């Protein structure tokens, strides 16, 4: 599983990354977490307003700082 956090390095993007890592740990799932800060790459996902969460190249959330519980629910579906 490859998870990307799309954002420009702001506090909200960092919080989303931290919450994602907590959710992965809680579920005991190994995944590669990549922070994408390049605007052109973000645009390829159709994201113009970060932060966004991408799981295996599918945007599952954008413009929202998901809480750990919310990310756990999303990961369980995937």
Protein backbone atom coordinates (compact mmCIF):
# COMPACT_ATOMS: atom_id res chain seq x y z
CA UNK A 1 0.00 0.00 0.00
CA UNK A 2 1.28 3.43 -0.92
CA UNK A 3 -0.19 6.43 0.83
CA UNK A 4 0.49 9.97 -0.28
CA UNK A 5 -0.12 13.13 1.68
CA UNK A 6 -0.57 15.99 -0.76
CA UNK A 7 0.26 19.41 0.60
CA UNK A 8 2.67 22.28 0.57
CA UNK A 9 4.30 21.52 3.90
CA UNK A 10 1.84 23.41 6.04
CA UNK A 11 0.83 22.52 9.59
CA UNK A 12 -2.42 20.93 8.38
CA UNK A 13 -0.57 18.66 5.98
CA UNK A 14 1.86 17.61 8.69
CA UNK A 15 -1.06 16.84 11.02
CA UNK A 16 -2.70 14.69 8.35
CA UNK A 17 0.56 12.77 7.90
CA UNK A 18 0.88 12.20 11.65
CA UNK A 19 -2.73 11.04 11.94
CA UNK A 20 -2.23 8.68 9.00
CA UNK A 21 0.85 7.16 10.60
CA UNK A 22 -1.06 6.69 13.87
CA UNK A 23 -3.92 4.95 12.03
CA UNK A 24 -1.49 2.62 10.26
CA UNK A 25 0.15 1.75 13.56
CA UNK A 26 -3.22 1.19 15.24
CA UNK A 27 -4.24 -1.26 12.50
CA UNK A 28 -0.76 -2.80 12.31
CA UNK A 29 -0.58 -2.09 8.57
CA UNK A 30 2.69 -1.51 6.80
CA UNK A 31 2.55 1.12 4.10
CA UNK A 32 4.84 3.57 2.43
CA UNK A 33 3.83 7.11 3.38
CA UNK A 34 5.02 9.75 0.93
CA UNK A 35 4.65 13.49 1.32
CA UNK A 36 4.02 15.21 -2.00
CA UNK A 37 4.74 18.94 -1.96
CA UNK A 38 5.04 19.52 -5.72
CA UNK A 39 1.99 21.47 -6.92
CA UNK A 40 2.17 20.00 -10.44
CA UNK A 41 2.11 16.45 -9.06
CA UNK A 42 -0.82 17.37 -6.79
CA UNK A 43 -2.66 18.71 -9.82
CA UNK A 44 -2.36 15.32 -11.55
CA UNK A 45 -4.69 14.02 -8.82
CA UNK A 46 -7.09 16.90 -9.37
CA UNK A 47 -6.23 18.39 -5.97
CA UNK A 48 -6.08 22.17 -5.93
CA UNK A 49 -6.73 22.68 -2.22
CA UNK A 50 -4.58 20.56 0.08
CA UNK A 51 -4.29 18.68 2.29
CA UNK A 52 -5.33 15.51 0.54
CA UNK A 53 -4.99 11.82 1.32
CA UNK A 54 -4.27 9.42 -1.55
CA UNK A 55 -4.29 5.65 -1.10
CA UNK A 56 -2.93 3.55 -3.94
CA UNK A 57 -3.36 6.47 -6.38
CA UNK A 58 -6.99 7.13 -5.38
CA UNK A 59 -7.87 10.42 -3.69
CA UNK A 60 -9.92 9.48 -0.62
CA UNK A 61 -10.04 12.91 1.03
CA UNK A 62 -9.15 16.49 0.22
CA UNK A 63 -9.44 19.88 1.90
CA UNK A 64 -9.87 18.19 5.27
CA UNK A 65 -7.65 17.26 8.17
CA UNK A 66 -8.86 13.77 8.92
CA UNK A 67 -8.69 12.51 12.48
CA UNK A 68 -7.00 9.21 13.20
CA UNK A 69 -10.38 7.47 13.70
CA UNK A 70 -11.57 8.65 10.28
CA UNK A 71 -8.42 7.36 8.60
CA UNK A 72 -8.80 4.00 10.36
CA UNK A 73 -12.28 3.66 8.83
CA UNK A 74 -10.96 4.50 5.37
CA UNK A 75 -8.09 2.04 5.68
CA UNK A 76 -10.43 -0.75 6.77
CA UNK A 77 -12.42 -0.27 3.56
CA UNK A 78 -9.32 -0.58 1.38
